Amino acid sequence: MPRWLPKALRRIRQFAAAGAVRLTYKAVREAVGLGFAPEDVRDVIGALSAADSAGRLLSETTGEWMYVFKPRVGG
């Protein structure tokens, strides 16, 4: 497991538990199209695990790390 992953997951879970997850209009539209409510998306985000990690990318614009997760949901 990469060194950065446990810390990233901890922060993600804290934000999700505090209700501090904001979805873009596009994310809401896509989630609804798949049959998920925004609350369902927040639940998925709050339950992310190391197995869901697909790595991280460095933003060319801001220089910040972007963490990529690909959880399997809804079959």
N, C-alpha and C. Protein backbone atom coordinates (compact mmCIF):
# COMPACT_ATOMS: atom_id res chain seq x y z
N MET A 1 0.86 -1.18 0.00
CA MET A 1 0.00 0.00 0.00
C MET A 1 0.90 1.24 0.00
N PRO A 2 0.62 2.20 -0.87
CA PRO A 2 1.42 3.42 -0.89
C PRO A 2 1.33 4.18 0.43
N ARG A 3 2.40 4.86 0.80
CA ARG A 3 2.44 5.60 2.08
C ARG A 3 1.35 6.63 2.20
N TRP A 4 1.00 7.28 1.11
CA TRP A 4 0.05 8.38 1.13
C TRP A 4 -1.40 7.92 1.28
N LEU A 5 -1.68 6.67 0.95
CA LEU A 5 -3.06 6.20 0.87
C LEU A 5 -3.81 6.20 2.21
N PRO A 6 -3.25 5.68 3.32
CA PRO A 6 -4.01 5.71 4.57
C PRO A 6 -4.41 7.13 5.01
N LYS A 7 -3.49 8.08 4.84
CA LYS A 7 -3.80 9.47 5.22
C LYS A 7 -4.91 10.04 4.34
N ALA A 8 -4.82 9.77 3.04
CA ALA A 8 -5.85 10.27 2.12
C ALA A 8 -7.21 9.68 2.46
N LEU A 9 -7.26 8.39 2.71
CA LEU A 9 -8.53 7.75 3.06
C LEU A 9 -9.09 8.30 4.37
N ARG A 10 -8.24 8.52 5.33
CA ARG A 10 -8.68 9.07 6.62
C ARG A 10 -9.33 10.44 6.41
N ARG A 11 -8.69 11.30 5.61
CA ARG A 11 -9.24 12.63 5.36
C ARG A 11 -10.55 12.55 4.58
N ILE A 12 -10.60 11.67 3.60
CA ILE A 12 -11.83 11.51 2.81
C ILE A 12 -12.98 11.07 3.71
N ARG A 13 -12.72 10.11 4.57
CA ARG A 13 -13.77 9.62 5.48
C ARG A 13 -14.22 10.70 6.45
N GLN A 14 -13.28 11.52 6.92
CA GLN A 14 -13.63 12.62 7.83
C GLN A 14 -14.55 13.61 7.13
N PHE A 15 -14.20 13.98 5.90
CA PHE A 15 -15.05 14.91 5.16
C PHE A 15 -16.43 14.32 4.91
N ALA A 16 -16.48 13.06 4.54
CA ALA A 16 -17.77 12.41 4.27
C ALA A 16 -18.62 12.35 5.54
N ALA A 17 -18.01 11.98 6.67
CA ALA A 17 -18.74 11.89 7.94
C ALA A 17 -19.27 13.25 8.38
N ALA A 18 -18.56 14.31 8.07
CA ALA A 18 -18.98 15.66 8.45
C ALA A 18 -19.96 16.26 7.45
N GLY A 19 -20.26 15.52 6.39
CA GLY A 19 -21.17 16.04 5.37
C GLY A 19 -20.52 17.12 4.52
N ALA A 20 -19.20 17.13 4.48
CA ALA A 20 -18.47 18.17 3.76
C ALA A 20 -18.06 17.71 2.37
N VAL A 21 -18.92 16.93 1.74
CA VAL A 21 -18.67 16.46 0.37
C VAL A 21 -19.61 17.23 -0.55
N ARG A 22 -19.04 17.87 -1.54
CA ARG A 22 -19.84 18.62 -2.50
C ARG A 22 -19.72 17.94 -3.86
N LEU A 23 -20.83 17.80 -4.54
CA LEU A 23 -20.83 17.18 -5.85
C LEU A 23 -21.07 18.24 -6.92
N THR A 24 -20.37 18.10 -8.03
CA THR A 24 -20.61 19.02 -9.14
C THR A 24 -21.95 18.68 -9.78
N TYR A 25 -22.45 19.61 -10.56
CA TYR A 25 -23.70 19.37 -11.27
C TYR A 25 -23.55 18.13 -12.16
N LYS A 26 -22.42 18.01 -12.83
CA LYS A 26 -22.17 16.86 -13.71
C LYS A 26 -22.19 15.56 -12.91
N ALA A 27 -21.56 15.55 -11.74
CA ALA A 27 -21.53 14.34 -10.91
C ALA A 27 -22.94 13.95 -10.47
N VAL A 28 -23.73 14.93 -10.07
CA VAL A 28 -25.12 14.64 -9.66
C VAL A 28 -25.90 14.09 -10.84
N ARG A 29 -25.77 14.69 -11.99
CA ARG A 29 -26.50 14.26 -13.19
C ARG A 29 -26.13 12.82 -13.56
N GLU A 30 -24.84 12.50 -13.51
CA GLU A 30 -24.40 11.15 -13.84
C GLU A 30 -24.87 10.14 -12.79
N ALA A 31 -24.81 10.52 -11.51
CA ALA A 31 -25.25 9.62 -10.45
C ALA A 31 -26.74 9.31 -10.59
N VAL A 32 -27.53 10.34 -10.82
CA VAL A 32 -28.98 10.15 -10.98
C VAL A 32 -29.25 9.27 -12.20
N GLY A 33 -28.50 9.46 -13.25
CA GLY A 33 -28.66 8.64 -14.45
C GLY A 33 -28.38 7.17 -14.20
N LEU A 34 -27.56 6.89 -13.19
CA LEU A 34 -27.25 5.51 -12.81
C LEU A 34 -28.16 4.99 -11.71
N GLY A 35 -29.11 5.82 -11.27
CA GLY A 35 -30.05 5.39 -10.24
C GLY A 35 -29.61 5.69 -8.82
N PHE A 36 -28.61 6.54 -8.66
CA PHE A 36 -28.11 6.88 -7.33
C PHE A 36 -28.54 8.29 -6.94
N ALA A 37 -28.88 8.47 -5.69
CA ALA A 37 -29.14 9.80 -5.15
C ALA A 37 -27.80 10.39 -4.69
N PRO A 38 -27.70 11.71 -4.59
CA PRO A 38 -26.47 12.32 -4.09
C PRO A 38 -26.03 11.75 -2.74
N GLU A 39 -27.00 11.39 -1.89
CA GLU A 39 -26.66 10.80 -0.59
C GLU A 39 -25.97 9.45 -0.77
N ASP A 40 -26.39 8.69 -1.78
CA ASP A 40 -25.76 7.40 -2.07
C ASP A 40 -24.29 7.60 -2.46
N VAL A 41 -24.04 8.64 -3.25
CA VAL A 41 -22.67 8.93 -3.68
C VAL A 41 -21.82 9.28 -2.47
N ARG A 42 -22.36 10.07 -1.57
CA ARG A 42 -21.63 10.43 -0.35
C ARG A 42 -21.33 9.19 0.49
N ASP A 43 -22.28 8.26 0.55
CA ASP A 43 -22.05 7.01 1.28
C ASP A 43 -20.92 6.20 0.65
N VAL A 44 -20.90 6.14 -0.67
CA VAL A 44 -19.83 5.42 -1.38
C VAL A 44 -18.48 6.08 -1.09
N ILE A 45 -18.45 7.39 -1.15
CA ILE A 45 -17.20 8.12 -0.87
C ILE A 45 -16.73 7.84 0.55
N GLY A 46 -17.65 7.84 1.49
CA GLY A 46 -17.30 7.59 2.89
C GLY A 46 -16.83 6.17 3.15
N ALA A 47 -17.14 5.24 2.25
CA ALA A 47 -16.78 3.84 2.44
C ALA A 47 -15.61 3.41 1.56
N LEU A 48 -14.93 4.35 0.92
CA LEU A 48 -13.80 3.99 0.06
C LEU A 48 -12.75 3.22 0.85
N SER A 49 -12.11 2.29 0.17
CA SER A 49 -11.05 1.50 0.81
C SER A 49 -9.80 1.53 -0.06
N ALA A 50 -8.74 0.98 0.47
CA ALA A 50 -7.48 0.93 -0.28
C ALA A 50 -7.65 0.15 -1.58
N ALA A 51 -8.52 -0.85 -1.57
CA ALA A 51 -8.75 -1.64 -2.77
C ALA A 51 -9.40 -0.82 -3.89
N ASP A 52 -10.06 0.28 -3.53
CA ASP A 52 -10.71 1.14 -4.52
C ASP A 52 -9.75 2.13 -5.16
N SER A 53 -8.56 2.25 -4.62
CA SER A 53 -7.59 3.24 -5.11
C SER A 53 -7.06 2.85 -6.49
N ALA A 54 -7.02 3.87 -7.36
CA ALA A 54 -6.43 3.68 -8.69
C ALA A 54 -5.21 4.58 -8.83
N GLY A 55 -4.68 5.07 -7.72
CA GLY A 55 -3.47 5.88 -7.75
C GLY A 55 -3.74 7.36 -7.54
N ARG A 56 -2.75 8.16 -7.93
CA ARG A 56 -2.90 9.60 -7.82
C ARG A 56 -2.16 10.25 -8.99
N LEU A 57 -2.61 11.46 -9.31
CA LEU A 57 -2.05 12.24 -10.41
C LEU A 57 -1.70 13.62 -9.90
N LEU A 58 -0.66 14.20 -10.44
CA LEU A 58 -0.29 15.57 -10.09
C LEU A 58 -0.94 16.52 -11.08
N SER A 59 -1.69 17.48 -10.57
CA SER A 59 -2.35 18.45 -11.43
C SER A 59 -1.31 19.34 -12.11
N GLU A 60 -1.38 19.43 -13.41
CA GLU A 60 -0.48 20.31 -14.14
C GLU A 60 -0.82 21.78 -13.90
N THR A 61 -2.07 22.04 -13.53
CA THR A 61 -2.52 23.41 -13.32
C THR A 61 -2.15 23.94 -11.95
N THR A 62 -2.45 23.15 -10.91
CA THR A 62 -2.25 23.64 -9.54
C THR A 62 -1.07 23.01 -8.82
N GLY A 63 -0.56 21.91 -9.33
CA GLY A 63 0.52 21.21 -8.64
C GLY A 63 0.05 20.38 -7.46
N GLU A 64 -1.27 20.26 -7.29
CA GLU A 64 -1.83 19.47 -6.20
C GLU A 64 -2.02 18.03 -6.63
N TRP A 65 -2.00 17.14 -5.64
CA TRP A 65 -2.28 15.74 -5.91
C TRP A 65 -3.78 15.54 -6.08
N MET A 66 -4.16 14.74 -7.07
CA MET A 66 -5.54 14.33 -7.28
C MET A 66 -5.59 12.82 -7.07
N TYR A 67 -6.40 12.39 -6.13
CA TYR A 67 -6.49 10.98 -5.79
C TYR A 67 -7.60 10.34 -6.60
N VAL A 68 -7.32 9.20 -7.20
CA VAL A 68 -8.26 8.52 -8.10
C VAL A 68 -8.74 7.24 -7.43
N PHE A 69 -10.06 7.11 -7.31
CA PHE A 69 -10.67 5.91 -6.75
C PHE A 69 -11.70 5.40 -7.73
N LYS A 70 -11.78 4.09 -7.84
CA LYS A 70 -12.74 3.45 -8.73
C LYS A 70 -13.46 2.33 -7.98
N PRO A 71 -14.41 2.72 -7.12
CA PRO A 71 -15.14 1.68 -6.38
C PRO A 71 -16.15 0.99 -7.31
N ARG A 72 -16.39 -0.25 -7.01
CA ARG A 72 -17.41 -0.99 -7.75
C ARG A 72 -18.73 -0.81 -6.99
N VAL A 73 -19.72 -0.30 -7.68
CA VAL A 73 -21.02 -0.08 -7.06
C VAL A 73 -22.12 -0.56 -7.99
N GLY A 74 -23.18 -1.03 -7.41
CA GLY A 74 -24.37 -1.40 -8.18
C GLY A 74 -24.19 -2.52 -9.18
N GLY A 75 -23.15 -3.33 -9.00
CA GLY A 75 -22.94 -4.46 -9.90
C GLY A 75 -22.39 -4.01 -11.22
